[in-house]
């Protein structure tokens, strides 16, 4: 009888160990599945963002009350002059952060009024905050934004957060080599992370994210 009881206890212990092992395997399986799902979602989002970066959606209007000219690539001011001379707008709101070209501030292309402003902070988000506020102060109803191709989609997101109605995006392709093209693409993809982590108009990005982006910008 004691032998049988001992054998029964041994079988019960083996069953308990087997059940624990099965639960651990099931738990590990769910973790792997969840991790795989997260990876797939991130890859899917990355593919969409990459496609939009190289195939941006522009929605230029024949005429807008004001055009915000973002301080991005060389050629932005030339494109702003061209649009003003074609009668697209009578008011240019030009972002002029420190050390940025400011020659357009002393001009009146096509008879347009030029208002220059300093973004705070010195980022696209700062340009959206200050530029849209200036537009409201000047009674602007229809607003356009000018930037280069890889910057269009992110600029749209940031300006839309600060502007109550639809903004019209105007784009241009800067002169750049293959290295510049790759850099602009990589920077745009990295900057999307900051955009998603700062959902409001004036939300500040976490320092751990802003610091490497600033270093990437300086390393251009």
Protein backbone atom coordinates (compact mmCIF):
# COMPACT_ATOMS: atom_id res chain seq x y z
CA UNK A 1 0.00 0.00 0.00
CA UNK A 2 2.77 2.43 0.89
CA UNK A 3 4.48 1.63 -2.40
CA UNK A 4 1.28 2.36 -4.27
CA UNK A 5 0.80 5.61 -2.35
CA UNK A 6 4.38 6.61 -3.11
CA UNK A 7 3.86 5.80 -6.77
CA UNK A 8 0.70 7.90 -6.81
CA UNK A 9 2.49 10.87 -5.28
CA UNK A 10 5.23 10.51 -7.88
CA UNK A 11 2.71 10.51 -10.71
CA UNK A 12 0.96 13.58 -9.24
CA UNK A 13 4.27 15.45 -9.05
CA UNK A 14 5.07 14.58 -12.67
CA UNK A 15 1.61 15.76 -13.75
CA UNK A 16 2.05 19.07 -11.90
CA UNK A 17 5.46 19.60 -13.49
CA UNK A 18 4.02 18.81 -16.90
CA UNK A 19 1.18 21.29 -16.38
CA UNK A 20 3.63 24.02 -15.32
CA UNK A 21 5.79 23.33 -18.35
CA UNK A 22 2.73 23.49 -20.64
CA UNK A 23 1.62 26.81 -19.12
CA UNK A 24 5.11 28.26 -19.58
CA UNK A 25 5.18 27.14 -23.19
CA UNK A 26 1.74 28.62 -23.81
CA UNK A 27 2.79 31.89 -22.17
CA UNK A 28 5.96 31.99 -24.24
CA UNK A 29 3.95 31.27 -27.38
CA UNK A 30 1.63 34.23 -26.72
CA UNK A 31 4.60 36.52 -26.10
CA UNK A 32 6.16 35.46 -29.39
CA UNK A 33 2.89 35.97 -31.24
CA UNK A 34 2.37 39.40 -29.69
CA UNK A 35 5.95 40.41 -30.48
CA UNK A 36 5.52 39.24 -34.04
CA UNK A 37 2.28 41.20 -34.39
CA UNK A 38 3.94 44.39 -33.08
CA UNK A 39 6.84 43.95 -35.51
CA UNK A 40 4.43 43.44 -38.42
CA UNK A 41 2.45 46.56 -37.47
CA UNK A 42 5.62 48.68 -37.21
CA UNK A 43 6.88 47.36 -40.54
CA UNK A 44 3.51 48.12 -42.14
CA UNK A 45 3.47 51.66 -40.78
CA UNK A 46 7.08 52.14 -41.88
CA UNK A 47 6.27 51.02 -45.43
CA UNK A 48 3.33 53.45 -45.62
CA UNK A 49 5.40 56.35 -44.26
CA UNK A 50 8.27 55.56 -46.61
CA UNK A 51 5.89 55.55 -49.58
CA UNK A 52 4.33 58.86 -48.52
CA UNK A 53 7.76 60.39 -48.01
CA UNK A 54 8.82 59.74 -51.60
CA UNK A 55 5.29 60.16 -53.01
CA UNK A 56 3.92 63.09 -50.99
CA UNK A 57 0.37 64.36 -51.39
CA UNK A 58 0.24 67.99 -52.44
CA UNK A 59 -2.98 69.98 -52.63
CA UNK A 60 -1.99 73.41 -53.91
CA UNK A 61 -4.77 75.96 -54.38
CA UNK A 62 -4.76 78.53 -57.20
CA UNK A 63 -4.83 81.27 -54.56
CA UNK A 64 -4.27 81.44 -50.79
CA UNK A 65 -4.37 84.36 -48.37
CA UNK A 66 -0.90 83.53 -47.06
CA UNK A 67 1.92 81.08 -47.70
CA UNK A 68 4.18 79.88 -44.90
CA UNK A 69 7.68 79.33 -46.27
CA UNK A 70 9.45 76.76 -44.11
CA UNK A 71 13.20 77.06 -43.60
CA UNK A 72 14.18 73.75 -45.13
CA UNK A 73 16.25 73.35 -48.27
CA UNK A 74 18.06 75.74 -50.56
CA UNK A 75 15.59 76.73 -53.23
CA UNK A 76 12.65 77.38 -50.90
CA UNK A 77 12.92 81.16 -51.31
CA UNK A 78 13.24 80.89 -55.08
CA UNK A 79 10.08 78.79 -55.20
CA UNK A 80 8.30 81.25 -52.89
CA UNK A 81 9.25 84.11 -55.22
CA UNK A 82 7.95 82.19 -58.21
CA UNK A 83 4.62 81.42 -56.54
CA UNK A 84 4.18 85.04 -55.43
CA UNK A 85 5.00 86.33 -58.89
CA UNK A 86 2.42 83.95 -60.36
CA UNK A 87 -0.20 85.43 -58.05
CA UNK A 88 -0.67 82.42 -55.79
CA UNK A 89 -0.50 84.66 -52.71
CA UNK A 90 -0.13 88.28 -51.67
CA UNK A 91 1.41 87.42 -48.29
CA UNK A 92 4.53 85.38 -47.59
CA UNK A 93 5.19 84.28 -43.99
CA UNK A 94 8.85 83.34 -44.05
CA UNK A 95 10.50 81.30 -41.32
CA UNK A 96 13.94 82.72 -40.54
CA UNK A 97 15.64 80.83 -37.71
CA UNK A 98 19.12 81.88 -36.64
CA UNK A 99 21.69 81.69 -39.45
CA UNK A 100 18.99 80.99 -42.07
CA UNK A 101 18.85 83.05 -45.30
CA UNK A 102 16.72 86.16 -44.81
CA UNK A 103 17.11 88.00 -48.10
CA UNK A 104 13.44 87.43 -48.92
CA UNK A 105 12.51 89.59 -45.91
CA UNK A 106 13.67 92.71 -47.75
CA UNK A 107 11.85 91.86 -50.98
CA UNK A 108 8.34 92.12 -52.36
CA UNK A 109 8.12 89.50 -55.12
CA UNK A 110 5.11 90.05 -57.34
CA UNK A 111 4.05 92.88 -55.05
CA UNK A 112 3.46 90.46 -52.17
CA UNK A 113 3.90 91.50 -48.55
CA UNK A 114 6.64 89.57 -46.75
CA UNK A 115 6.45 88.92 -43.00
CA UNK A 116 9.41 87.09 -41.46
CA UNK A 117 9.27 85.26 -38.13
CA UNK A 118 11.59 83.33 -35.85
CA UNK A 119 10.26 79.84 -34.96
CA UNK A 120 10.23 78.74 -31.34
CA UNK A 121 11.46 76.06 -30.94
CA UNK A 122 13.70 75.98 -33.99
CA UNK A 123 11.98 72.99 -35.54
CA UNK A 124 9.22 72.35 -38.05
CA UNK A 125 6.86 72.17 -35.08
CA UNK A 126 8.04 75.62 -33.98
CA UNK A 127 7.46 76.91 -37.50
CA UNK A 128 3.93 75.50 -37.44
CA UNK A 129 3.19 77.04 -34.02
CA UNK A 130 4.49 80.53 -34.75
CA UNK A 131 3.54 80.61 -38.43
CA UNK A 132 -0.11 79.69 -37.87
CA UNK A 133 -0.38 82.10 -34.93
CA UNK A 134 0.97 84.92 -37.11
CA UNK A 135 -1.50 83.96 -39.84
CA UNK A 136 -4.40 84.21 -37.38
CA UNK A 137 -3.22 87.61 -36.18
CA UNK A 138 -3.20 88.82 -39.79
CA UNK A 139 -6.73 87.56 -40.44
CA UNK A 140 -5.71 84.78 -42.83
CA UNK A 141 -8.49 82.42 -43.88
CA UNK A 142 -6.83 80.18 -46.48
CA UNK A 143 -3.29 79.06 -45.69
CA UNK A 144 -0.59 77.45 -47.80
CA UNK A 145 2.67 75.83 -46.71
CA UNK A 146 5.77 75.53 -48.88
CA UNK A 147 8.44 72.91 -48.25
CA UNK A 148 10.52 70.32 -50.12
CA UNK A 149 9.27 66.91 -51.23
CA UNK A 150 10.43 64.63 -48.40
CA UNK A 151 9.17 67.11 -45.82
CA UNK A 152 5.61 67.57 -47.10
CA UNK A 153 3.71 64.87 -45.20
CA UNK A 154 5.24 65.63 -41.82
CA UNK A 155 4.72 69.35 -42.35
CA UNK A 156 1.07 68.70 -43.19
CA UNK A 157 0.59 66.79 -39.93
CA UNK A 158 2.24 69.47 -37.80
CA UNK A 159 0.46 72.42 -39.40
CA UNK A 160 -2.93 70.67 -39.30
CA UNK A 161 -2.52 70.34 -35.53
CA UNK A 162 -2.18 74.11 -35.19
CA UNK A 163 -4.58 75.30 -37.92
CA UNK A 164 -8.36 74.90 -37.76
CA UNK A 165 -9.00 74.44 -41.48
CA UNK A 166 -7.25 72.56 -44.27
CA UNK A 167 -3.78 73.77 -45.18
CA UNK A 168 -2.66 73.67 -48.81
CA UNK A 169 0.74 72.07 -49.34
CA UNK A 170 3.09 73.27 -52.07
CA UNK A 171 6.23 71.28 -52.76
CA UNK A 172 9.48 71.57 -54.67
CA UNK A 173 12.40 69.27 -55.36
CA UNK A 174 15.72 70.67 -54.15
CA UNK A 175 18.93 70.18 -56.04
CA UNK A 176 20.80 67.36 -54.31
CA UNK A 177 22.91 64.35 -55.05
CA UNK A 178 22.27 60.74 -54.11
CA UNK A 179 23.81 61.23 -50.66
CA UNK A 180 21.53 64.19 -49.98
CA UNK A 181 18.50 62.26 -51.16
CA UNK A 182 19.28 59.32 -48.86
CA UNK A 183 19.98 61.65 -45.93
CA UNK A 184 16.70 63.52 -46.40
CA UNK A 185 14.80 60.24 -46.55
CA UNK A 186 16.48 58.81 -43.44
CA UNK A 187 15.97 62.03 -41.48
CA UNK A 188 12.31 62.18 -42.50
CA UNK A 189 11.71 58.62 -41.29
CA UNK A 190 13.43 59.31 -37.95
CA UNK A 191 11.51 62.56 -37.45
CA UNK A 192 8.17 60.76 -37.85
CA UNK A 193 8.80 59.12 -34.47
CA UNK A 194 9.01 62.54 -32.83
CA UNK A 195 5.85 63.64 -34.63
CA UNK A 196 3.88 60.67 -33.32
CA UNK A 197 5.17 61.15 -29.77
CA UNK A 198 4.11 64.82 -29.71
CA UNK A 199 0.43 64.63 -30.71
CA UNK A 200 -0.56 68.21 -29.82
CA UNK A 201 0.28 71.47 -31.54
CA UNK A 202 2.80 72.54 -28.88
CA UNK A 203 3.64 69.21 -27.21
CA UNK A 204 7.35 68.90 -26.47
CA UNK A 205 9.21 65.76 -27.58
CA UNK A 206 11.07 63.67 -24.99
CA UNK A 207 14.72 64.62 -24.66
CA UNK A 208 15.90 61.08 -25.35
CA UNK A 209 14.34 61.35 -28.80
CA UNK A 210 15.09 64.99 -29.63
CA UNK A 211 18.81 64.70 -28.85
CA UNK A 212 19.69 62.07 -31.50
CA UNK A 213 17.53 63.86 -34.08
CA UNK A 214 19.42 67.11 -33.40
CA UNK A 215 22.73 65.25 -33.80
CA UNK A 216 21.55 63.78 -37.09
CA UNK A 217 20.59 67.25 -38.29
CA UNK A 218 24.01 68.67 -37.36
CA UNK A 219 25.80 65.77 -39.03
CA UNK A 220 24.40 66.55 -42.44
